[in-house]
Amino acid sequence: GSNCVEINLNCGCPSRLVGNSCFGARLMMEPEKVREIVYEISKKCPNIPVTVKHRLGTDLSGAEYHDTKKFVTAAAAGGAKHFIVHARMAVLDQKFSCEQNRSIPPLLPEYAHKLAHDFPELSFALNGGLRSLDMCQQALAQNTIQSTMIGRAAWYQPCNILATADTRFYNESTNPSFSRRQVIQRYADYIDY
């Protein structure tokens, strides 16, 4: 639609529902299929960028840097220009839970920085393990990746992260979010006494 700013193909979800189906992190095992999907979406929606969120690979497909680079090369050949790199592999064979997949495989943020260096025509966001704006700022200070993505930390600490991002990163004079007090006052209107 006219309000759509991008279409994101999520090739990183390690949910047990992925199983033997061909979606989520399972797509990491089929880079050529991802290239085809990105190409077809780009063809059908030529004015909307197609982005790809992915892991470094899987325990079934490999998660060495060359595996990740092969995946990005294929998706870029299909037309993707922006990649959100969840900088850890997805474990599919051992039936890890999503929570285990967010904590047990080691983070390798250097892969995202190396991808940004090796593919200067593309843009990369680092995702995984970022729990504060300070951590985002440190990652961005390396001048390779173009952005960062905070996941659950923003959900768990919205006032510490979301409420201050605009003034910190976008040079806004004030943050558009409500204070904790304002949130409680507005919520009180819905409380039954």
N, C-alpha and C. Protein backbone atom coordinates (compact mmCIF):
# COMPACT_ATOMS: atom_id res chain seq x y z
N GLY A 1 0.81 -1.18 0.00
CA GLY A 1 0.00 0.00 0.00
C GLY A 1 0.85 1.25 0.00
N SER A 2 0.22 2.39 -0.05
CA SER A 2 0.94 3.66 -0.13
C SER A 2 1.65 4.01 1.17
N ASN A 3 1.27 3.38 2.28
CA ASN A 3 1.93 3.66 3.55
C ASN A 3 3.07 2.69 3.86
N CYS A 4 3.31 1.74 3.01
CA CYS A 4 4.34 0.75 3.24
C CYS A 4 5.70 1.36 2.89
N VAL A 5 6.63 1.33 3.86
CA VAL A 5 7.95 1.91 3.62
C VAL A 5 8.98 0.86 3.24
N GLU A 6 8.72 -0.39 3.58
CA GLU A 6 9.60 -1.48 3.18
C GLU A 6 8.88 -2.80 3.38
N ILE A 7 9.37 -3.81 2.70
CA ILE A 7 8.91 -5.18 2.91
C ILE A 7 10.12 -5.94 3.43
N ASN A 8 9.98 -6.53 4.61
CA ASN A 8 11.10 -7.24 5.23
C ASN A 8 10.86 -8.73 5.17
N LEU A 9 11.79 -9.44 4.56
CA LEU A 9 11.75 -10.89 4.52
C LEU A 9 12.55 -11.40 5.71
N ASN A 10 11.87 -12.05 6.64
CA ASN A 10 12.52 -12.51 7.86
C ASN A 10 13.06 -13.92 7.64
N CYS A 11 14.37 -14.01 7.51
CA CYS A 11 15.05 -15.30 7.35
C CYS A 11 15.82 -15.65 8.60
N GLY A 12 15.35 -15.16 9.73
CA GLY A 12 16.10 -15.37 10.96
C GLY A 12 15.34 -16.06 12.06
N CYS A 13 14.04 -16.21 11.93
CA CYS A 13 13.25 -16.79 13.00
C CYS A 13 13.56 -18.27 13.17
N PRO A 14 14.04 -18.66 14.36
CA PRO A 14 14.40 -20.06 14.59
C PRO A 14 13.30 -20.87 15.27
N SER A 15 12.08 -20.40 15.22
CA SER A 15 10.97 -21.06 15.91
C SER A 15 10.90 -22.54 15.56
N ARG A 16 10.48 -23.33 16.53
CA ARG A 16 10.29 -24.77 16.28
C ARG A 16 9.24 -25.00 15.20
N LEU A 17 8.37 -24.03 14.99
CA LEU A 17 7.35 -24.15 13.94
C LEU A 17 7.98 -24.21 12.56
N VAL A 18 9.20 -23.68 12.44
CA VAL A 18 9.90 -23.70 11.17
C VAL A 18 10.07 -25.14 10.71
N GLY A 19 10.45 -26.03 11.65
CA GLY A 19 10.57 -27.47 11.36
C GLY A 19 11.23 -27.72 10.03
N ASN A 20 10.55 -28.45 9.19
CA ASN A 20 11.05 -28.73 7.85
C ASN A 20 10.43 -27.83 6.81
N SER A 21 9.66 -26.83 7.26
CA SER A 21 9.03 -25.90 6.34
C SER A 21 10.08 -24.94 5.78
N CYS A 22 9.71 -24.19 4.80
CA CYS A 22 10.66 -23.29 4.16
C CYS A 22 10.31 -21.85 4.48
N PHE A 23 10.49 -21.47 5.74
CA PHE A 23 10.34 -20.08 6.13
C PHE A 23 11.23 -19.84 7.34
N GLY A 24 11.33 -18.59 7.75
CA GLY A 24 12.18 -18.25 8.88
C GLY A 24 13.63 -18.63 8.62
N ALA A 25 14.32 -19.09 9.66
CA ALA A 25 15.74 -19.42 9.55
C ALA A 25 16.01 -20.56 8.57
N ARG A 26 15.01 -21.37 8.27
CA ARG A 26 15.19 -22.43 7.28
C ARG A 26 15.58 -21.85 5.92
N LEU A 27 15.14 -20.62 5.65
CA LEU A 27 15.49 -20.00 4.37
C LEU A 27 16.99 -19.74 4.25
N MET A 28 17.69 -19.68 5.38
CA MET A 28 19.15 -19.51 5.33
C MET A 28 19.80 -20.69 4.60
N MET A 29 19.13 -21.81 4.55
CA MET A 29 19.67 -23.00 3.91
C MET A 29 19.47 -22.98 2.40
N GLU A 30 18.68 -22.01 1.92
CA GLU A 30 18.38 -21.95 0.49
C GLU A 30 18.57 -20.53 -0.04
N PRO A 31 19.82 -20.07 -0.14
CA PRO A 31 20.07 -18.70 -0.60
C PRO A 31 19.47 -18.39 -1.97
N GLU A 32 19.47 -19.37 -2.87
CA GLU A 32 18.91 -19.12 -4.21
C GLU A 32 17.40 -18.92 -4.15
N LYS A 33 16.73 -19.62 -3.27
CA LYS A 33 15.29 -19.41 -3.10
C LYS A 33 15.03 -18.01 -2.56
N VAL A 34 15.88 -17.56 -1.62
CA VAL A 34 15.74 -16.20 -1.08
C VAL A 34 15.96 -15.18 -2.20
N ARG A 35 16.94 -15.42 -3.06
CA ARG A 35 17.17 -14.52 -4.19
C ARG A 35 15.91 -14.43 -5.04
N GLU A 36 15.29 -15.58 -5.32
CA GLU A 36 14.07 -15.60 -6.13
C GLU A 36 12.93 -14.86 -5.44
N ILE A 37 12.76 -15.09 -4.14
CA ILE A 37 11.68 -14.43 -3.40
C ILE A 37 11.87 -12.92 -3.42
N VAL A 38 13.09 -12.46 -3.12
CA VAL A 38 13.37 -11.02 -3.12
C VAL A 38 13.11 -10.44 -4.50
N TYR A 39 13.57 -11.14 -5.53
CA TYR A 39 13.38 -10.67 -6.90
C TYR A 39 11.89 -10.54 -7.23
N GLU A 40 11.10 -11.55 -6.91
CA GLU A 40 9.67 -11.54 -7.23
C GLU A 40 8.93 -10.44 -6.47
N ILE A 41 9.28 -10.27 -5.19
CA ILE A 41 8.65 -9.19 -4.41
C ILE A 41 9.02 -7.83 -5.01
N SER A 42 10.30 -7.67 -5.34
CA SER A 42 10.77 -6.40 -5.92
C SER A 42 10.09 -6.11 -7.25
N LYS A 43 9.86 -7.15 -8.03
CA LYS A 43 9.20 -7.00 -9.33
C LYS A 43 7.75 -6.56 -9.14
N LYS A 44 7.07 -7.16 -8.15
CA LYS A 44 5.66 -6.85 -7.92
C LYS A 44 5.46 -5.51 -7.22
N CYS A 45 6.47 -5.08 -6.44
CA CYS A 45 6.38 -3.83 -5.68
C CYS A 45 7.64 -2.99 -5.96
N PRO A 46 7.77 -2.47 -7.17
CA PRO A 46 9.03 -1.84 -7.56
C PRO A 46 9.39 -0.57 -6.79
N ASN A 47 8.45 0.06 -6.16
CA ASN A 47 8.73 1.31 -5.43
C ASN A 47 8.92 1.12 -3.93
N ILE A 48 8.92 -0.14 -3.50
CA ILE A 48 9.06 -0.43 -2.07
C ILE A 48 10.32 -1.28 -1.88
N PRO A 49 11.27 -0.80 -1.07
CA PRO A 49 12.48 -1.60 -0.86
C PRO A 49 12.18 -2.91 -0.14
N VAL A 50 12.88 -3.96 -0.56
CA VAL A 50 12.78 -5.26 0.10
C VAL A 50 14.05 -5.42 0.94
N THR A 51 13.87 -5.62 2.24
CA THR A 51 14.99 -5.80 3.15
C THR A 51 14.97 -7.24 3.64
N VAL A 52 16.11 -7.70 4.16
CA VAL A 52 16.21 -9.08 4.63
C VAL A 52 16.82 -9.10 6.03
N LYS A 53 16.09 -9.72 6.96
CA LYS A 53 16.63 -9.95 8.31
C LYS A 53 17.07 -11.40 8.36
N HIS A 54 18.29 -11.62 8.83
CA HIS A 54 18.82 -12.98 8.81
C HIS A 54 19.78 -13.24 9.95
N ARG A 55 20.05 -14.49 10.17
CA ARG A 55 21.07 -14.94 11.10
C ARG A 55 22.37 -15.09 10.32
N LEU A 56 23.41 -15.57 11.00
CA LEU A 56 24.68 -15.81 10.32
C LEU A 56 24.64 -17.11 9.51
N GLY A 57 23.67 -17.92 9.80
CA GLY A 57 23.49 -19.21 9.17
C GLY A 57 22.79 -20.11 10.16
N THR A 58 22.83 -21.40 9.90
CA THR A 58 22.23 -22.36 10.82
C THR A 58 23.22 -23.49 11.09
N ASP A 59 22.91 -24.27 12.10
CA ASP A 59 23.73 -25.44 12.39
C ASP A 59 23.64 -26.46 11.25
N LEU A 60 22.60 -26.38 10.42
CA LEU A 60 22.42 -27.32 9.32
C LEU A 60 23.04 -26.83 8.02
N SER A 61 23.17 -25.50 7.87
CA SER A 61 23.69 -24.96 6.61
C SER A 61 25.10 -24.42 6.73
N GLY A 62 25.56 -24.27 7.95
CA GLY A 62 26.85 -23.64 8.19
C GLY A 62 26.65 -22.18 8.59
N ALA A 63 27.53 -21.70 9.45
CA ALA A 63 27.42 -20.31 9.92
C ALA A 63 28.79 -19.65 9.96
N GLU A 64 29.68 -20.09 9.11
CA GLU A 64 30.97 -19.43 8.97
C GLU A 64 30.76 -18.17 8.14
N TYR A 65 31.74 -17.28 8.16
CA TYR A 65 31.58 -16.02 7.43
C TYR A 65 31.27 -16.26 5.95
N HIS A 66 31.94 -17.22 5.32
CA HIS A 66 31.70 -17.45 3.89
C HIS A 66 30.25 -17.90 3.63
N ASP A 67 29.63 -18.61 4.59
CA ASP A 67 28.23 -19.01 4.45
C ASP A 67 27.32 -17.77 4.49
N THR A 68 27.60 -16.88 5.43
CA THR A 68 26.80 -15.66 5.56
C THR A 68 26.97 -14.79 4.32
N LYS A 69 28.20 -14.68 3.85
CA LYS A 69 28.49 -13.86 2.66
C LYS A 69 27.77 -14.42 1.42
N LYS A 70 27.75 -15.74 1.30
CA LYS A 70 27.05 -16.38 0.18
C LYS A 70 25.55 -16.04 0.23
N PHE A 71 24.97 -16.09 1.42
CA PHE A 71 23.56 -15.77 1.59
C PHE A 71 23.28 -14.31 1.19
N VAL A 72 24.09 -13.39 1.70
CA VAL A 72 23.90 -11.96 1.38
C VAL A 72 24.08 -11.72 -0.11
N THR A 73 25.06 -12.37 -0.71
CA THR A 73 25.30 -12.22 -2.15
C THR A 73 24.06 -12.63 -2.94
N ALA A 74 23.45 -13.73 -2.56
CA ALA A 74 22.24 -14.21 -3.26
C ALA A 74 21.08 -13.24 -3.08
N ALA A 75 20.82 -12.81 -1.85
CA ALA A 75 19.70 -11.90 -1.60
C ALA A 75 19.92 -10.57 -2.30
N ALA A 76 21.15 -10.09 -2.32
CA ALA A 76 21.46 -8.83 -3.02
C ALA A 76 21.26 -8.99 -4.52
N ALA A 77 21.58 -10.16 -5.07
CA ALA A 77 21.36 -10.40 -6.50
C ALA A 77 19.88 -10.35 -6.83
N GLY A 78 19.03 -10.66 -5.86
CA GLY A 78 17.58 -10.58 -6.07
C GLY A 78 17.06 -9.16 -5.96
N GLY A 79 17.85 -8.26 -5.39
CA GLY A 79 17.44 -6.86 -5.29
C GLY A 79 17.45 -6.27 -3.89
N ALA A 80 17.77 -7.07 -2.87
CA ALA A 80 17.81 -6.52 -1.50
C ALA A 80 19.01 -5.58 -1.37
N LYS A 81 18.80 -4.45 -0.72
CA LYS A 81 19.87 -3.47 -0.52
C LYS A 81 20.18 -3.25 0.97
N HIS A 82 19.27 -3.68 1.84
CA HIS A 82 19.45 -3.47 3.28
C HIS A 82 19.25 -4.81 4.00
N PHE A 83 20.17 -5.08 4.92
CA PHE A 83 20.17 -6.35 5.66
C PHE A 83 20.24 -6.07 7.15
N ILE A 84 19.40 -6.75 7.91
CA ILE A 84 19.43 -6.68 9.37
C ILE A 84 20.06 -8.00 9.82
N VAL A 85 21.25 -7.90 10.39
CA VAL A 85 22.04 -9.08 10.71
C VAL A 85 21.90 -9.42 12.19
N HIS A 86 21.13 -10.46 12.50
CA HIS A 86 21.11 -10.98 13.87
C HIS A 86 22.38 -11.81 13.99
N ALA A 87 23.34 -11.27 14.68
CA ALA A 87 24.72 -11.75 14.62
C ALA A 87 24.99 -13.01 15.43
N ARG A 88 24.18 -14.02 15.23
CA ARG A 88 24.43 -15.35 15.79
C ARG A 88 23.75 -16.37 14.88
N MET A 89 24.21 -17.59 14.96
CA MET A 89 23.59 -18.63 14.14
C MET A 89 22.25 -19.07 14.75
N ALA A 90 21.44 -19.71 13.95
CA ALA A 90 20.19 -20.31 14.43
C ALA A 90 20.41 -21.81 14.56
N VAL A 91 20.07 -22.35 15.71
CA VAL A 91 20.20 -23.79 15.94
C VAL A 91 18.84 -24.43 15.67
N LEU A 92 18.78 -25.22 14.62
CA LEU A 92 17.52 -25.86 14.22
C LEU A 92 17.51 -27.35 14.53
N ASP A 93 18.65 -28.01 14.43
CA ASP A 93 18.70 -29.45 14.58
C ASP A 93 18.51 -29.93 16.02
N GLN A 94 18.92 -29.12 17.00
CA GLN A 94 18.82 -29.53 18.40
C GLN A 94 17.50 -29.11 19.04
N LYS A 95 16.60 -28.59 18.25
CA LYS A 95 15.27 -28.20 18.74
C LYS A 95 15.35 -27.18 19.88
N PHE A 96 16.26 -26.22 19.74
CA PHE A 96 16.34 -25.13 20.71
C PHE A 96 15.04 -24.33 20.69
N SER A 97 14.68 -23.77 21.81
CA SER A 97 13.56 -22.83 21.85
C SER A 97 14.05 -21.50 21.27
N CYS A 98 13.11 -20.60 21.00
CA CYS A 98 13.50 -19.27 20.53
C CYS A 98 14.37 -18.58 21.56
N GLU A 99 14.03 -18.74 22.84
CA GLU A 99 14.83 -18.12 23.90
C GLU A 99 16.25 -18.67 23.91
N GLN A 100 16.41 -19.96 23.76
CA GLN A 100 17.75 -20.55 23.71
C GLN A 100 18.52 -20.05 22.49
N ASN A 101 17.81 -19.87 21.37
CA ASN A 101 18.45 -19.38 20.16
C ASN A 101 18.86 -17.91 20.28
N ARG A 102 18.30 -17.20 21.26
CA ARG A 102 18.69 -15.81 21.50
C ARG A 102 19.81 -15.70 22.51
N SER A 103 20.19 -16.82 23.15
CA SER A 103 21.18 -16.71 24.22
C SER A 103 22.34 -17.70 24.12
N ILE A 104 22.13 -18.89 23.59
CA ILE A 104 23.20 -19.90 23.60
C ILE A 104 24.20 -19.73 22.45
N PRO A 105 23.77 -19.64 21.19
CA PRO A 105 24.79 -19.45 20.16
C PRO A 105 25.53 -18.13 20.40
N PRO A 106 26.85 -18.14 20.26
CA PRO A 106 27.60 -16.92 20.55
C PRO A 106 27.31 -15.80 19.55
N LEU A 107 27.34 -14.58 20.04
CA LEU A 107 27.21 -13.41 19.18
C LEU A 107 28.53 -13.18 18.46
N LEU A 108 28.43 -12.87 17.19
CA LEU A 108 29.61 -12.55 16.38
C LEU A 108 29.35 -11.25 15.61
N PRO A 109 29.27 -10.12 16.32
CA PRO A 109 28.95 -8.86 15.65
C PRO A 109 29.99 -8.46 14.60
N GLU A 110 31.19 -9.00 14.72
CA GLU A 110 32.22 -8.67 13.73
C GLU A 110 31.81 -9.12 12.32
N TYR A 111 30.93 -10.13 12.22
CA TYR A 111 30.44 -10.56 10.90
C TYR A 111 29.65 -9.41 10.24
N ALA A 112 28.81 -8.74 10.99
CA ALA A 112 28.03 -7.63 10.42
C ALA A 112 28.95 -6.52 9.94
N HIS A 113 29.96 -6.20 10.74
CA HIS A 113 30.91 -5.16 10.35
C HIS A 113 31.70 -5.58 9.10
N LYS A 114 32.08 -6.85 9.03
CA LYS A 114 32.82 -7.34 7.86
C LYS A 114 31.93 -7.34 6.62
N LEU A 115 30.66 -7.71 6.77
CA LEU A 115 29.74 -7.64 5.63
C LEU A 115 29.63 -6.21 5.11
N ALA A 116 29.50 -5.26 6.03
CA ALA A 116 29.39 -3.85 5.62
C ALA A 116 30.67 -3.41 4.89
N HIS A 117 31.80 -3.90 5.32
CA HIS A 117 33.06 -3.56 4.65
C HIS A 117 33.14 -4.23 3.27
N ASP A 118 32.73 -5.49 3.19
CA ASP A 118 32.84 -6.24 1.94
C ASP A 118 31.77 -5.89 0.92
N PHE A 119 30.66 -5.31 1.38
CA PHE A 119 29.57 -4.92 0.48
C PHE A 119 29.24 -3.43 0.68
N PRO A 120 30.12 -2.52 0.29
CA PRO A 120 29.88 -1.09 0.54
C PRO A 120 28.65 -0.53 -0.18
N GLU A 121 28.17 -1.23 -1.20
CA GLU A 121 26.99 -0.76 -1.94
C GLU A 121 25.68 -1.11 -1.21
N LEU A 122 25.77 -1.92 -0.17
CA LEU A 122 24.60 -2.32 0.62
C LEU A 122 24.66 -1.66 1.99
N SER A 123 23.53 -1.68 2.71
CA SER A 123 23.54 -1.17 4.09
C SER A 123 23.18 -2.31 5.04
N PHE A 124 23.77 -2.20 6.25
CA PHE A 124 23.62 -3.25 7.24
C PHE A 124 23.26 -2.67 8.60
N ALA A 125 22.34 -3.36 9.28
CA ALA A 125 21.99 -3.05 10.66
C ALA A 125 22.43 -4.22 11.52
N LEU A 126 23.00 -3.92 12.67
CA LEU A 126 23.41 -4.96 13.61
C LEU A 126 22.28 -5.22 14.59
N ASN A 127 21.93 -6.48 14.79
CA ASN A 127 20.90 -6.91 15.72
C ASN A 127 21.47 -8.06 16.54
N GLY A 128 21.02 -8.17 17.78
CA GLY A 128 21.43 -9.28 18.63
C GLY A 128 22.31 -8.81 19.77
N GLY A 129 21.80 -8.94 20.98
CA GLY A 129 22.59 -8.61 22.16
C GLY A 129 22.69 -7.14 22.49
N LEU A 130 22.09 -6.28 21.70
CA LEU A 130 22.13 -4.84 21.99
C LEU A 130 21.06 -4.53 23.03
N ARG A 131 21.49 -4.09 24.20
CA ARG A 131 20.56 -3.89 25.32
C ARG A 131 20.48 -2.44 25.78
N SER A 132 21.20 -1.54 25.11
CA SER A 132 21.16 -0.14 25.52
C SER A 132 21.54 0.74 24.34
N LEU A 133 21.23 2.03 24.47
CA LEU A 133 21.63 2.98 23.44
C LEU A 133 23.14 3.15 23.43
N ASP A 134 23.79 2.98 24.59
CA ASP A 134 25.25 3.04 24.63
C ASP A 134 25.86 1.94 23.77
N MET A 135 25.30 0.74 23.87
CA MET A 135 25.80 -0.37 23.05
C MET A 135 25.60 -0.08 21.56
N CYS A 136 24.48 0.52 21.22
CA CYS A 136 24.23 0.89 19.82
C CYS A 136 25.25 1.92 19.34
N GLN A 137 25.48 2.91 20.18
CA GLN A 137 26.42 3.96 19.83
C GLN A 137 27.83 3.39 19.63
N GLN A 138 28.23 2.46 20.49
CA GLN A 138 29.55 1.82 20.34
C GLN A 138 29.64 1.04 19.03
N ALA A 139 28.58 0.33 18.67
CA ALA A 139 28.58 -0.43 17.42
C ALA A 139 28.64 0.51 16.22
N LEU A 140 27.91 1.61 16.28
CA LEU A 140 27.90 2.56 15.17
C LEU A 140 29.22 3.32 15.05
N ALA A 141 29.93 3.46 16.16
CA ALA A 141 31.19 4.20 16.16
C ALA A 141 32.26 3.52 15.31
N GLN A 142 32.07 2.26 14.97
CA GLN A 142 33.05 1.56 14.13
C GLN A 142 32.95 1.98 12.66
N ASN A 143 31.91 2.78 12.35
CA ASN A 143 31.73 3.36 11.01
C ASN A 143 31.68 2.33 9.88
N THR A 144 31.09 1.19 10.15
CA THR A 144 30.88 0.22 9.08
C THR A 144 29.39 0.01 8.87
N ILE A 145 28.68 -0.39 9.91
CA ILE A 145 27.24 -0.61 9.79
C ILE A 145 26.52 0.75 9.79
N GLN A 146 25.34 0.78 9.21
CA GLN A 146 24.58 2.02 9.11
C GLN A 146 23.56 2.20 10.22
N SER A 147 23.17 1.10 10.87
CA SER A 147 22.15 1.21 11.91
C SER A 147 22.23 0.01 12.85
N THR A 148 21.46 0.10 13.91
CA THR A 148 21.37 -0.99 14.87
C THR A 148 19.90 -1.28 15.14
N MET A 149 19.64 -2.44 15.68
CA MET A 149 18.26 -2.83 16.01
C MET A 149 18.26 -3.41 17.41
N ILE A 150 17.49 -2.78 18.28
CA ILE A 150 17.31 -3.33 19.62
C ILE A 150 16.00 -4.10 19.61
N GLY A 151 16.04 -5.32 20.08
CA GLY A 151 14.85 -6.15 20.10
C GLY A 151 14.14 -6.11 21.43
N ARG A 152 14.22 -7.19 22.16
CA ARG A 152 13.48 -7.32 23.41
C ARG A 152 13.87 -6.32 24.48
N ALA A 153 15.08 -5.82 24.45
CA ALA A 153 15.49 -4.84 25.47
C ALA A 153 14.59 -3.61 25.42
N ALA A 154 14.15 -3.23 24.24
CA ALA A 154 13.24 -2.08 24.12
C ALA A 154 11.87 -2.41 24.71
N TRP A 155 11.49 -3.64 24.65
CA TRP A 155 10.22 -4.09 25.21
C TRP A 155 10.32 -4.11 26.73
N TYR A 156 11.45 -4.62 27.25
CA TYR A 156 11.62 -4.72 28.69
C TYR A 156 11.92 -3.38 29.35
N GLN A 157 12.56 -2.47 28.65
CA GLN A 157 12.96 -1.17 29.22
C GLN A 157 12.56 -0.01 28.30
N PRO A 158 11.30 0.14 27.97
CA PRO A 158 10.92 1.16 27.00
C PRO A 158 11.31 2.58 27.41
N CYS A 159 11.21 2.89 28.70
CA CYS A 159 11.54 4.26 29.13
C CYS A 159 13.03 4.53 29.05
N ASN A 160 13.85 3.52 29.23
CA ASN A 160 15.30 3.72 29.17
C ASN A 160 15.82 3.75 27.74
N ILE A 161 15.12 3.14 26.83
CA ILE A 161 15.62 3.03 25.46
C ILE A 161 14.80 3.88 24.49
N LEU A 162 13.53 3.56 24.35
CA LEU A 162 12.72 4.25 23.36
C LEU A 162 12.48 5.71 23.69
N ALA A 163 12.36 6.01 24.97
CA ALA A 163 12.01 7.38 25.37
C ALA A 163 13.13 8.37 25.17
N THR A 164 14.36 7.90 24.95
CA THR A 164 15.47 8.83 24.80
C THR A 164 16.17 8.75 23.45
N ALA A 165 15.74 7.87 22.58
CA ALA A 165 16.43 7.66 21.30
C ALA A 165 16.37 8.87 20.39
N ASP A 166 15.25 9.58 20.36
CA ASP A 166 15.11 10.70 19.42
C ASP A 166 16.08 11.84 19.71
N THR A 167 16.24 12.18 20.98
CA THR A 167 17.18 13.26 21.29
C THR A 167 18.62 12.79 21.13
N ARG A 168 18.86 11.55 21.42
CA ARG A 168 20.23 11.04 21.37
C ARG A 168 20.74 10.81 19.96
N PHE A 169 19.90 10.25 19.09
CA PHE A 169 20.38 9.88 17.76
C PHE A 169 19.89 10.77 16.63
N TYR A 170 18.79 11.48 16.85
CA TYR A 170 18.21 12.25 15.75
C TYR A 170 18.22 13.76 16.00
N ASN A 171 18.95 14.17 17.02
CA ASN A 171 19.12 15.59 17.35
C ASN A 171 17.80 16.34 17.55
N GLU A 172 16.79 15.64 18.01
CA GLU A 172 15.52 16.29 18.34
C GLU A 172 15.70 17.08 19.63
N SER A 173 14.99 18.18 19.77
CA SER A 173 15.13 18.99 20.99
C SER A 173 14.43 18.33 22.17
N THR A 174 13.37 17.58 21.90
CA THR A 174 12.67 16.86 22.97
C THR A 174 12.32 15.46 22.44
N ASN A 175 12.07 14.57 23.37
CA ASN A 175 11.61 13.24 22.99
C ASN A 175 10.09 13.26 22.89
N PRO A 176 9.53 12.65 21.86
CA PRO A 176 8.07 12.68 21.69
C PRO A 176 7.31 11.75 22.62
N SER A 177 8.01 10.92 23.36
CA SER A 177 7.32 9.96 24.22
C SER A 177 6.85 10.59 25.52
N PHE A 178 5.91 9.91 26.14
CA PHE A 178 5.39 10.36 27.42
C PHE A 178 6.33 9.94 28.55
N SER A 179 6.30 10.71 29.63
CA SER A 179 7.05 10.31 30.82
C SER A 179 6.29 9.16 31.50
N ARG A 180 6.94 8.49 32.43
CA ARG A 180 6.26 7.42 33.17
C ARG A 180 5.03 7.97 33.88
N ARG A 181 5.17 9.14 34.47
CA ARG A 181 4.04 9.76 35.17
C ARG A 181 2.88 10.01 34.21
N GLN A 182 3.18 10.53 33.02
CA GLN A 182 2.12 10.79 32.04
C GLN A 182 1.45 9.49 31.60
N VAL A 183 2.20 8.43 31.45
CA VAL A 183 1.64 7.15 31.06
C VAL A 183 0.67 6.67 32.14
N ILE A 184 1.09 6.73 33.39
CA ILE A 184 0.23 6.29 34.50
C ILE A 184 -1.02 7.15 34.59
N GLN A 185 -0.86 8.47 34.43
CA GLN A 185 -2.03 9.35 34.50
C GLN A 185 -3.02 9.04 33.39
N ARG A 186 -2.54 8.79 32.19
CA ARG A 186 -3.44 8.46 31.09
C ARG A 186 -4.08 7.09 31.28
N TYR A 187 -3.31 6.15 31.83
CA TYR A 187 -3.83 4.81 32.07
C TYR A 187 -4.90 4.83 33.18
N ALA A 188 -4.76 5.73 34.12
CA ALA A 188 -5.70 5.80 35.25
C ALA A 188 -7.14 6.04 34.77
N ASP A 189 -7.30 6.68 33.64
CA ASP A 189 -8.64 6.91 33.10
C ASP A 189 -9.38 5.61 32.80
N TYR A 190 -8.66 4.51 32.66
CA TYR A 190 -9.26 3.24 32.29
C TYR A 190 -9.40 2.28 33.48
N ILE A 191 -8.96 2.71 34.64
CA ILE A 191 -8.99 1.86 35.82
C ILE A 191 -10.36 1.95 36.49
N ASP A 192 -10.92 0.80 36.82
CA ASP A 192 -12.18 0.76 37.57
C ASP A 192 -11.83 0.75 39.05
N TYR A 193 -12.48 1.63 39.82
CA TYR A 193 -12.22 1.68 41.26
C TYR A 193 -13.24 0.86 42.00
